[in-house]
mmCIF file of all heavy atoms, coordinates in Angstrom:
data_MODEL
# 
_entry.id   MODEL 
# 
loop_
_atom_site.group_PDB 
_atom_site.id 
_atom_site.type_symbol 
_atom_site.label_atom_id 
_atom_site.label_alt_id 
_atom_site.label_comp_id 
_atom_site.label_asym_id 
_atom_site.label_entity_id 
_atom_site.label_seq_id 
_atom_site.pdbx_PDB_ins_code 
_atom_site.Cartn_x 
_atom_site.Cartn_y 
_atom_site.Cartn_z 
_atom_site.occupancy 
_atom_site.B_iso_or_equiv 
_atom_site.pdbx_formal_charge 
_atom_site.auth_seq_id 
_atom_site.auth_comp_id 
_atom_site.auth_asym_id 
_atom_site.auth_atom_id 
_atom_site.pdbx_PDB_model_num 
ATOM 1   N N   . ALA A 1 1  ? -137.804 118.344 -100.194 1.00 0.00 ? 1  ALA A N   1 
ATOM 2   C CA  . ALA A 1 1  ? -138.330 117.247 -100.984 1.00 0.00 ? 1  ALA A CA  1 
ATOM 3   C C   . ALA A 1 1  ? -139.555 117.631 -101.806 1.00 0.00 ? 1  ALA A C   1 
ATOM 4   O O   . ALA A 1 1  ? -139.713 117.277 -102.976 1.00 0.00 ? 1  ALA A O   1 
ATOM 5   C CB  . ALA A 1 1  ? -138.633 116.041 -100.079 1.00 0.00 ? 1  ALA A CB  1 
ATOM 6   N N   . ARG A 1 2  ? -140.428 118.420 -101.172 1.00 0.00 ? 2  ARG A N   1 
ATOM 7   C CA  . ARG A 1 2  ? -141.623 118.912 -101.839 1.00 0.00 ? 2  ARG A CA  1 
ATOM 8   C C   . ARG A 1 2  ? -141.236 119.858 -103.012 1.00 0.00 ? 2  ARG A C   1 
ATOM 9   O O   . ARG A 1 2  ? -141.904 119.817 -104.054 1.00 0.00 ? 2  ARG A O   1 
ATOM 10  C CB  . ARG A 1 2  ? -142.542 119.671 -100.869 1.00 0.00 ? 2  ARG A CB  1 
ATOM 11  C CG  . ARG A 1 2  ? -143.337 118.809 -99.963  1.00 0.00 ? 2  ARG A CG  1 
ATOM 12  C CD  . ARG A 1 2  ? -144.682 119.396 -99.628  1.00 0.00 ? 2  ARG A CD  1 
ATOM 13  N NE  . ARG A 1 2  ? -145.557 119.433 -100.792 1.00 0.00 ? 2  ARG A NE  1 
ATOM 14  C CZ  . ARG A 1 2  ? -146.877 119.761 -100.724 1.00 0.00 ? 2  ARG A CZ  1 
ATOM 15  N NH1 . ARG A 1 2  ? -147.327 120.161 -99.559  1.00 0.00 ? 2  ARG A NH1 1 
ATOM 16  N NH2 . ARG A 1 2  ? -147.576 119.798 -101.771 1.00 0.00 ? 2  ARG A NH2 1 
ATOM 17  N N   . ARG A 1 3  ? -140.217 120.595 -102.775 1.00 0.00 ? 3  ARG A N   1 
ATOM 18  C CA  . ARG A 1 3  ? -139.774 121.619 -103.779 1.00 0.00 ? 3  ARG A CA  1 
ATOM 19  C C   . ARG A 1 3  ? -139.091 120.930 -104.990 1.00 0.00 ? 3  ARG A C   1 
ATOM 20  O O   . ARG A 1 3  ? -139.317 121.274 -106.143 1.00 0.00 ? 3  ARG A O   1 
ATOM 21  C CB  . ARG A 1 3  ? -138.819 122.620 -103.141 1.00 0.00 ? 3  ARG A CB  1 
ATOM 22  C CG  . ARG A 1 3  ? -138.518 123.826 -104.060 1.00 0.00 ? 3  ARG A CG  1 
ATOM 23  C CD  . ARG A 1 3  ? -137.509 124.767 -103.381 1.00 0.00 ? 3  ARG A CD  1 
ATOM 24  N NE  . ARG A 1 3  ? -138.144 125.372 -102.209 1.00 0.00 ? 3  ARG A NE  1 
ATOM 25  C CZ  . ARG A 1 3  ? -137.424 126.078 -101.332 1.00 0.00 ? 3  ARG A CZ  1 
ATOM 26  N NH1 . ARG A 1 3  ? -136.104 126.252 -101.497 1.00 0.00 ? 3  ARG A NH1 1 
ATOM 27  N NH2 . ARG A 1 3  ? -138.057 126.644 -100.237 1.00 0.00 ? 3  ARG A NH2 1 
ATOM 28  N N   . ARG A 1 4  ? -138.300 119.862 -104.694 1.00 0.00 ? 4  ARG A N   1 
ATOM 29  C CA  . ARG A 1 4  ? -137.447 119.274 -105.766 1.00 0.00 ? 4  ARG A CA  1 
ATOM 30  C C   . ARG A 1 4  ? -138.029 118.024 -106.445 1.00 0.00 ? 4  ARG A C   1 
ATOM 31  O O   . ARG A 1 4  ? -137.720 117.756 -107.558 1.00 0.00 ? 4  ARG A O   1 
ATOM 32  C CB  . ARG A 1 4  ? -136.051 118.938 -105.083 1.00 0.00 ? 4  ARG A CB  1 
ATOM 33  C CG  . ARG A 1 4  ? -135.320 120.117 -104.684 1.00 0.00 ? 4  ARG A CG  1 
ATOM 34  C CD  . ARG A 1 4  ? -134.075 119.751 -103.892 1.00 0.00 ? 4  ARG A CD  1 
ATOM 35  N NE  . ARG A 1 4  ? -133.448 120.849 -103.257 1.00 0.00 ? 4  ARG A NE  1 
ATOM 36  C CZ  . ARG A 1 4  ? -132.457 121.540 -103.812 1.00 0.00 ? 4  ARG A CZ  1 
ATOM 37  N NH1 . ARG A 1 4  ? -132.050 121.234 -105.038 1.00 0.00 ? 4  ARG A NH1 1 
ATOM 38  N NH2 . ARG A 1 4  ? -131.844 122.608 -103.200 1.00 0.00 ? 4  ARG A NH2 1 
ATOM 39  N N   . SER A 1 5  ? -138.810 117.291 -105.658 1.00 0.00 ? 5  SER A N   1 
ATOM 40  C CA  . SER A 1 5  ? -139.366 115.942 -106.223 1.00 0.00 ? 5  SER A CA  1 
ATOM 41  C C   . SER A 1 5  ? -140.879 116.117 -106.524 1.00 0.00 ? 5  SER A C   1 
ATOM 42  O O   . SER A 1 5  ? -141.707 116.249 -105.626 1.00 0.00 ? 5  SER A O   1 
ATOM 43  C CB  . SER A 1 5  ? -139.132 114.897 -105.224 1.00 0.00 ? 5  SER A CB  1 
ATOM 44  O OG  . SER A 1 5  ? -139.793 113.671 -105.601 1.00 0.00 ? 5  SER A OG  1 
ATOM 45  N N   . ALA A 1 6  ? -141.158 115.965 -107.828 1.00 0.00 ? 6  ALA A N   1 
ATOM 46  C CA  . ALA A 1 6  ? -142.561 115.977 -108.269 1.00 0.00 ? 6  ALA A CA  1 
ATOM 47  C C   . ALA A 1 6  ? -143.392 114.751 -107.745 1.00 0.00 ? 6  ALA A C   1 
ATOM 48  O O   . ALA A 1 6  ? -144.529 114.876 -107.377 1.00 0.00 ? 6  ALA A O   1 
ATOM 49  C CB  . ALA A 1 6  ? -142.676 116.018 -109.755 1.00 0.00 ? 6  ALA A CB  1 
ATOM 50  N N   . LYS A 1 7  ? -142.658 113.629 -107.720 1.00 0.00 ? 7  LYS A N   1 
ATOM 51  C CA  . LYS A 1 7  ? -143.319 112.403 -107.186 1.00 0.00 ? 7  LYS A CA  1 
ATOM 52  C C   . LYS A 1 7  ? -143.688 112.513 -105.753 1.00 0.00 ? 7  LYS A C   1 
ATOM 53  O O   . LYS A 1 7  ? -144.805 112.178 -105.314 1.00 0.00 ? 7  LYS A O   1 
ATOM 54  C CB  . LYS A 1 7  ? -142.337 111.177 -107.352 1.00 0.00 ? 7  LYS A CB  1 
ATOM 55  C CG  . LYS A 1 7  ? -142.632 110.341 -108.568 1.00 0.00 ? 7  LYS A CG  1 
ATOM 56  C CD  . LYS A 1 7  ? -141.756 109.145 -108.598 1.00 0.00 ? 7  LYS A CD  1 
ATOM 57  C CE  . LYS A 1 7  ? -141.987 108.325 -109.844 1.00 0.00 ? 7  LYS A CE  1 
ATOM 58  N NZ  . LYS A 1 7  ? -141.086 107.149 -109.938 1.00 0.00 ? 7  LYS A NZ  1 
ATOM 59  N N   . PHE A 1 8  ? -142.763 113.011 -104.890 1.00 0.00 ? 8  PHE A N   1 
ATOM 60  C CA  . PHE A 1 8  ? -142.993 113.161 -103.505 1.00 0.00 ? 8  PHE A CA  1 
ATOM 61  C C   . PHE A 1 8  ? -144.119 114.180 -103.283 1.00 0.00 ? 8  PHE A C   1 
ATOM 62  O O   . PHE A 1 8  ? -144.964 114.021 -102.396 1.00 0.00 ? 8  PHE A O   1 
ATOM 63  C CB  . PHE A 1 8  ? -141.763 113.598 -102.694 1.00 0.00 ? 8  PHE A CB  1 
ATOM 64  C CG  . PHE A 1 8  ? -141.844 113.774 -101.279 1.00 0.00 ? 8  PHE A CG  1 
ATOM 65  C CD1 . PHE A 1 8  ? -141.985 112.691 -100.468 1.00 0.00 ? 8  PHE A CD1 1 
ATOM 66  C CD2 . PHE A 1 8  ? -141.903 115.056 -100.732 1.00 0.00 ? 8  PHE A CD2 1 
ATOM 67  C CE1 . PHE A 1 8  ? -142.073 112.856 -99.061  1.00 0.00 ? 8  PHE A CE1 1 
ATOM 68  C CE2 . PHE A 1 8  ? -142.081 115.247 -99.330  1.00 0.00 ? 8  PHE A CE2 1 
ATOM 69  C CZ  . PHE A 1 8  ? -142.233 114.112 -98.563  1.00 0.00 ? 8  PHE A CZ  1 
ATOM 70  N N   . ASN A 1 9  ? -144.042 115.239 -104.042 1.00 0.00 ? 9  ASN A N   1 
ATOM 71  C CA  . ASN A 1 9  ? -145.108 116.337 -103.894 1.00 0.00 ? 9  ASN A CA  1 
ATOM 72  C C   . ASN A 1 9  ? -146.507 115.773 -104.203 1.00 0.00 ? 9  ASN A C   1 
ATOM 73  O O   . ASN A 1 9  ? -147.488 116.096 -103.587 1.00 0.00 ? 9  ASN A O   1 
ATOM 74  C CB  . ASN A 1 9  ? -144.769 117.437 -104.943 1.00 0.00 ? 9  ASN A CB  1 
ATOM 75  C CG  . ASN A 1 9  ? -145.397 118.767 -104.574 1.00 0.00 ? 9  ASN A CG  1 
ATOM 76  O OD1 . ASN A 1 9  ? -145.731 118.985 -103.391 1.00 0.00 ? 9  ASN A OD1 1 
ATOM 77  N ND2 . ASN A 1 9  ? -145.642 119.602 -105.579 1.00 0.00 ? 9  ASN A ND2 1 
ATOM 78  N N   . ALA A 1 10 ? -146.595 114.949 -105.287 1.00 0.00 ? 10 ALA A N   1 
ATOM 79  C CA  . ALA A 1 10 ? -147.854 114.297 -105.698 1.00 0.00 ? 10 ALA A CA  1 
ATOM 80  C C   . ALA A 1 10 ? -148.322 113.405 -104.577 1.00 0.00 ? 10 ALA A C   1 
ATOM 81  O O   . ALA A 1 10 ? -149.526 113.321 -104.235 1.00 0.00 ? 10 ALA A O   1 
ATOM 82  C CB  . ALA A 1 10 ? -147.681 113.574 -106.967 1.00 0.00 ? 10 ALA A CB  1 
ATOM 83  N N   . LEU A 1 11 ? -147.405 112.669 -103.949 1.00 0.00 ? 11 LEU A N   1 
ATOM 84  C CA  . LEU A 1 11 ? -147.773 111.718 -102.844 1.00 0.00 ? 11 LEU A CA  1 
ATOM 85  C C   . LEU A 1 11 ? -148.275 112.481 -101.680 1.00 0.00 ? 11 LEU A C   1 
ATOM 86  O O   . LEU A 1 11 ? -149.329 112.086 -101.099 1.00 0.00 ? 11 LEU A O   1 
ATOM 87  C CB  . LEU A 1 11 ? -146.539 110.920 -102.421 1.00 0.00 ? 11 LEU A CB  1 
ATOM 88  C CG  . LEU A 1 11 ? -146.782 109.605 -101.750 1.00 0.00 ? 11 LEU A CG  1 
ATOM 89  C CD1 . LEU A 1 11 ? -147.404 108.627 -102.683 1.00 0.00 ? 11 LEU A CD1 1 
ATOM 90  C CD2 . LEU A 1 11 ? -145.445 109.051 -101.180 1.00 0.00 ? 11 LEU A CD2 1 
ATOM 91  N N   . VAL A 1 12 ? -147.678 113.635 -101.352 1.00 0.00 ? 12 VAL A N   1 
ATOM 92  C CA  . VAL A 1 12 ? -148.072 114.455 -100.183 1.00 0.00 ? 12 VAL A CA  1 
ATOM 93  C C   . VAL A 1 12 ? -149.519 115.002 -100.496 1.00 0.00 ? 12 VAL A C   1 
ATOM 94  O O   . VAL A 1 12 ? -150.380 115.049 -99.614  1.00 0.00 ? 12 VAL A O   1 
ATOM 95  C CB  . VAL A 1 12 ? -147.090 115.612 -99.870  1.00 0.00 ? 12 VAL A CB  1 
ATOM 96  C CG1 . VAL A 1 12 ? -147.672 116.611 -98.905  1.00 0.00 ? 12 VAL A CG1 1 
ATOM 97  C CG2 . VAL A 1 12 ? -145.806 115.045 -99.396  1.00 0.00 ? 12 VAL A CG2 1 
ATOM 98  N N   . ASP A 1 13 ? -149.709 115.537 -101.804 1.00 0.00 ? 13 ASP A N   1 
ATOM 99  C CA  . ASP A 1 13 ? -150.995 116.081 -102.153 1.00 0.00 ? 13 ASP A CA  1 
ATOM 100 C C   . ASP A 1 13 ? -152.115 115.021 -102.072 1.00 0.00 ? 13 ASP A C   1 
ATOM 101 O O   . ASP A 1 13 ? -153.231 115.368 -101.635 1.00 0.00 ? 13 ASP A O   1 
ATOM 102 C CB  . ASP A 1 13 ? -150.909 116.619 -103.609 1.00 0.00 ? 13 ASP A CB  1 
ATOM 103 C CG  . ASP A 1 13 ? -150.168 117.922 -103.666 1.00 0.00 ? 13 ASP A CG  1 
ATOM 104 O OD1 . ASP A 1 13 ? -150.034 118.629 -102.607 1.00 0.00 ? 13 ASP A OD1 1 
ATOM 105 O OD2 . ASP A 1 13 ? -149.766 118.369 -104.754 1.00 0.00 ? 13 ASP A OD2 1 
ATOM 106 N N   . LYS A 1 14 ? -151.789 113.782 -102.471 1.00 0.00 ? 14 LYS A N   1 
ATOM 107 C CA  . LYS A 1 14 ? -152.752 112.742 -102.442 1.00 0.00 ? 14 LYS A CA  1 
ATOM 108 C C   . LYS A 1 14 ? -153.205 112.413 -100.982 1.00 0.00 ? 14 LYS A C   1 
ATOM 109 O O   . LYS A 1 14 ? -154.394 112.286 -100.709 1.00 0.00 ? 14 LYS A O   1 
ATOM 110 C CB  . LYS A 1 14 ? -152.134 111.493 -103.084 1.00 0.00 ? 14 LYS A CB  1 
ATOM 111 C CG  . LYS A 1 14 ? -153.021 110.248 -103.133 1.00 0.00 ? 14 LYS A CG  1 
ATOM 112 C CD  . LYS A 1 14 ? -152.372 109.079 -103.705 1.00 0.00 ? 14 LYS A CD  1 
ATOM 113 C CE  . LYS A 1 14 ? -153.291 107.828 -103.664 1.00 0.00 ? 14 LYS A CE  1 
ATOM 114 N NZ  . LYS A 1 14 ? -152.544 106.601 -104.138 1.00 0.00 ? 14 LYS A NZ  1 
ATOM 115 N N   . TYR A 1 15 ? -152.160 112.212 -100.103 1.00 0.00 ? 15 TYR A N   1 
ATOM 116 C CA  . TYR A 1 15 ? -152.508 111.855 -98.765  1.00 0.00 ? 15 TYR A CA  1 
ATOM 117 C C   . TYR A 1 15 ? -152.993 112.977 -97.890  1.00 0.00 ? 15 TYR A C   1 
ATOM 118 O O   . TYR A 1 15 ? -153.656 112.744 -96.874  1.00 0.00 ? 15 TYR A O   1 
ATOM 119 C CB  . TYR A 1 15 ? -151.363 111.102 -98.057  1.00 0.00 ? 15 TYR A CB  1 
ATOM 120 C CG  . TYR A 1 15 ? -151.114 109.688 -98.635  1.00 0.00 ? 15 TYR A CG  1 
ATOM 121 C CD1 . TYR A 1 15 ? -150.169 109.421 -99.572  1.00 0.00 ? 15 TYR A CD1 1 
ATOM 122 C CD2 . TYR A 1 15 ? -151.997 108.661 -98.318  1.00 0.00 ? 15 TYR A CD2 1 
ATOM 123 C CE1 . TYR A 1 15 ? -150.041 108.162 -100.077 1.00 0.00 ? 15 TYR A CE1 1 
ATOM 124 C CE2 . TYR A 1 15 ? -151.876 107.357 -98.835  1.00 0.00 ? 15 TYR A CE2 1 
ATOM 125 C CZ  . TYR A 1 15 ? -150.934 107.150 -99.753  1.00 0.00 ? 15 TYR A CZ  1 
ATOM 126 O OH  . TYR A 1 15 ? -150.773 105.877 -100.263 1.00 0.00 ? 15 TYR A OH  1 
ATOM 127 N N   . SER A 1 16 ? -152.680 114.203 -98.225  1.00 0.00 ? 16 SER A N   1 
ATOM 128 C CA  . SER A 1 16 ? -153.159 115.309 -97.431  1.00 0.00 ? 16 SER A CA  1 
ATOM 129 C C   . SER A 1 16 ? -154.703 115.439 -97.560  1.00 0.00 ? 16 SER A C   1 
ATOM 130 O O   . SER A 1 16 ? -155.348 115.987 -96.608  1.00 0.00 ? 16 SER A O   1 
ATOM 131 C CB  . SER A 1 16 ? -152.525 116.595 -97.926  1.00 0.00 ? 16 SER A CB  1 
ATOM 132 O OG  . SER A 1 16 ? -152.897 116.868 -99.263  1.00 0.00 ? 16 SER A OG  1 
ATOM 133 N N   . LEU A 1 17 ? -155.284 114.931 -98.685  1.00 0.00 ? 17 LEU A N   1 
ATOM 134 C CA  . LEU A 1 17 ? -156.730 114.960 -98.815  1.00 0.00 ? 17 LEU A CA  1 
ATOM 135 C C   . LEU A 1 17 ? -157.477 113.957 -97.947  1.00 0.00 ? 17 LEU A C   1 
ATOM 136 O O   . LEU A 1 17 ? -158.678 113.951 -97.758  1.00 0.00 ? 17 LEU A O   1 
ATOM 137 C CB  . LEU A 1 17 ? -157.085 114.784 -100.284 1.00 0.00 ? 17 LEU A CB  1 
ATOM 138 C CG  . LEU A 1 17 ? -156.659 115.877 -101.258 1.00 0.00 ? 17 LEU A CG  1 
ATOM 139 C CD1 . LEU A 1 17 ? -156.909 115.412 -102.696 1.00 0.00 ? 17 LEU A CD1 1 
ATOM 140 C CD2 . LEU A 1 17 ? -157.454 117.155 -100.987 1.00 0.00 ? 17 LEU A CD2 1 
ATOM 141 N N   . LYS A 1 18 ? -156.668 112.970 -97.344  1.00 0.00 ? 18 LYS A N   1 
ATOM 142 C CA  . LYS A 1 18 ? -157.231 111.951 -96.553  1.00 0.00 ? 18 LYS A CA  1 
ATOM 143 C C   . LYS A 1 18 ? -157.097 112.255 -95.020  1.00 0.00 ? 18 LYS A C   1 
ATOM 144 O O   . LYS A 1 18 ? -157.556 111.435 -94.227  1.00 0.00 ? 18 LYS A O   1 
ATOM 145 C CB  . LYS A 1 18 ? -156.543 110.576 -96.889  1.00 0.00 ? 18 LYS A CB  1 
ATOM 146 C CG  . LYS A 1 18 ? -156.805 110.199 -98.293  1.00 0.00 ? 18 LYS A CG  1 
ATOM 147 C CD  . LYS A 1 18 ? -156.163 108.812 -98.615  1.00 0.00 ? 18 LYS A CD  1 
ATOM 148 C CE  . LYS A 1 18 ? -156.437 108.397 -100.061 1.00 0.00 ? 18 LYS A CE  1 
ATOM 149 N NZ  . LYS A 1 18 ? -155.861 107.131 -100.384 1.00 0.00 ? 18 LYS A NZ  1 
ATOM 150 N N   . ILE A 1 19 ? -156.530 113.410 -94.728  1.00 0.00 ? 19 ILE A N   1 
ATOM 151 C CA  . ILE A 1 19 ? -156.437 113.753 -93.301  1.00 0.00 ? 19 ILE A CA  1 
ATOM 152 C C   . ILE A 1 19 ? -157.863 114.070 -92.767  1.00 0.00 ? 19 ILE A C   1 
ATOM 153 O O   . ILE A 1 19 ? -158.646 114.816 -93.376  1.00 0.00 ? 19 ILE A O   1 
ATOM 154 C CB  . ILE A 1 19 ? -155.590 115.083 -93.110  1.00 0.00 ? 19 ILE A CB  1 
ATOM 155 C CG1 . ILE A 1 19 ? -154.157 114.838 -93.684  1.00 0.00 ? 19 ILE A CG1 1 
ATOM 156 C CG2 . ILE A 1 19 ? -155.532 115.502 -91.657  1.00 0.00 ? 19 ILE A CG2 1 
ATOM 157 C CD1 . ILE A 1 19 ? -153.306 116.086 -93.770  1.00 0.00 ? 19 ILE A CD1 1 
ATOM 158 N N   . PRO A 1 20 ? -158.188 113.513 -91.588  1.00 0.00 ? 20 PRO A N   1 
ATOM 159 C CA  . PRO A 1 20 ? -159.554 113.717 -91.033  1.00 0.00 ? 20 PRO A CA  1 
ATOM 160 C C   . PRO A 1 20 ? -159.853 115.230 -90.918  1.00 0.00 ? 20 PRO A C   1 
ATOM 161 O O   . PRO A 1 20 ? -158.993 115.987 -90.466  1.00 0.00 ? 20 PRO A O   1 
ATOM 162 C CB  . PRO A 1 20 ? -159.457 113.049 -89.693  1.00 0.00 ? 20 PRO A CB  1 
ATOM 163 C CG  . PRO A 1 20 ? -158.412 112.031 -89.781  1.00 0.00 ? 20 PRO A CG  1 
ATOM 164 C CD  . PRO A 1 20 ? -157.406 112.634 -90.790  1.00 0.00 ? 20 PRO A CD  1 
ATOM 165 N N   . ILE A 1 21 ? -161.077 115.663 -91.290  1.00 0.00 ? 21 ILE A N   1 
ATOM 166 C CA  . ILE A 1 21 ? -161.548 117.015 -91.063  1.00 0.00 ? 21 ILE A CA  1 
ATOM 167 C C   . ILE A 1 21 ? -160.856 117.954 -92.014  1.00 0.00 ? 21 ILE A C   1 
ATOM 168 O O   . ILE A 1 21 ? -161.453 118.583 -92.919  1.00 0.00 ? 21 ILE A O   1 
ATOM 169 C CB  . ILE A 1 21 ? -161.571 117.508 -89.599  1.00 0.00 ? 21 ILE A CB  1 
ATOM 170 C CG1 . ILE A 1 21 ? -162.331 116.503 -88.715  1.00 0.00 ? 21 ILE A CG1 1 
ATOM 171 C CG2 . ILE A 1 21 ? -162.231 118.888 -89.580  1.00 0.00 ? 21 ILE A CG2 1 
ATOM 172 C CD1 . ILE A 1 21 ? -162.189 116.862 -87.262  1.00 0.00 ? 21 ILE A CD1 1 
ATOM 173 N N   . VAL A 1 22 ? -159.526 118.152 -91.798  1.00 0.00 ? 22 VAL A N   1 
ATOM 174 C CA  . VAL A 1 22 ? -158.790 119.092 -92.594  1.00 0.00 ? 22 VAL A CA  1 
ATOM 175 C C   . VAL A 1 22 ? -158.761 118.738 -94.104  1.00 0.00 ? 22 VAL A C   1 
ATOM 176 O O   . VAL A 1 22 ? -158.822 119.509 -95.012  1.00 0.00 ? 22 VAL A O   1 
ATOM 177 C CB  . VAL A 1 22 ? -157.338 119.211 -92.050  1.00 0.00 ? 22 VAL A CB  1 
ATOM 178 C CG1 . VAL A 1 22 ? -156.521 120.093 -92.933  1.00 0.00 ? 22 VAL A CG1 1 
ATOM 179 C CG2 . VAL A 1 22 ? -157.318 119.795 -90.632  1.00 0.00 ? 22 VAL A CG2 1 
ATOM 180 N N   . GLY A 1 23 ? -158.610 117.385 -94.401  1.00 0.00 ? 23 GLY A N   1 
ATOM 181 C CA  . GLY A 1 23 ? -158.579 116.910 -95.717  1.00 0.00 ? 23 GLY A CA  1 
ATOM 182 C C   . GLY A 1 23 ? -159.853 117.247 -96.485  1.00 0.00 ? 23 GLY A C   1 
ATOM 183 O O   . GLY A 1 23 ? -159.788 117.643 -97.667  1.00 0.00 ? 23 GLY A O   1 
ATOM 184 N N   . ASP A 1 24 ? -161.028 117.205 -95.803  1.00 0.00 ? 24 ASP A N   1 
ATOM 185 C CA  . ASP A 1 24 ? -162.316 117.576 -96.438  1.00 0.00 ? 24 ASP A CA  1 
ATOM 186 C C   . ASP A 1 24 ? -162.355 119.056 -96.792  1.00 0.00 ? 24 ASP A C   1 
ATOM 187 O O   . ASP A 1 24 ? -162.917 119.421 -97.785  1.00 0.00 ? 24 ASP A O   1 
ATOM 188 C CB  . ASP A 1 24 ? -163.459 117.187 -95.520  1.00 0.00 ? 24 ASP A CB  1 
ATOM 189 C CG  . ASP A 1 24 ? -164.812 117.314 -96.116  1.00 0.00 ? 24 ASP A CG  1 
ATOM 190 O OD1 . ASP A 1 24 ? -164.991 116.833 -97.266  1.00 0.00 ? 24 ASP A OD1 1 
ATOM 191 O OD2 . ASP A 1 24 ? -165.645 118.048 -95.553  1.00 0.00 ? 24 ASP A OD2 1 
ATOM 192 N N   . ILE A 1 25 ? -161.869 119.854 -95.881  1.00 0.00 ? 25 ILE A N   1 
ATOM 193 C CA  . ILE A 1 25 ? -161.786 121.285 -96.121  1.00 0.00 ? 25 ILE A CA  1 
ATOM 194 C C   . ILE A 1 25 ? -160.918 121.609 -97.334  1.00 0.00 ? 25 ILE A C   1 
ATOM 195 O O   . ILE A 1 25 ? -161.246 122.417 -98.202  1.00 0.00 ? 25 ILE A O   1 
ATOM 196 C CB  . ILE A 1 25 ? -161.268 122.112 -94.838  1.00 0.00 ? 25 ILE A CB  1 
ATOM 197 C CG1 . ILE A 1 25 ? -162.251 121.905 -93.701  1.00 0.00 ? 25 ILE A CG1 1 
ATOM 198 C CG2 . ILE A 1 25 ? -161.009 123.555 -95.138  1.00 0.00 ? 25 ILE A CG2 1 
ATOM 199 C CD1 . ILE A 1 25 ? -161.773 122.458 -92.371  1.00 0.00 ? 25 ILE A CD1 1 
# 
């Protein structure tokens, strides 16, 4: 899904930045 869907990829990138501690890194 990450490889084929630009929308899904953008969604993952957006919420990955909100992961505690790791998102800040």
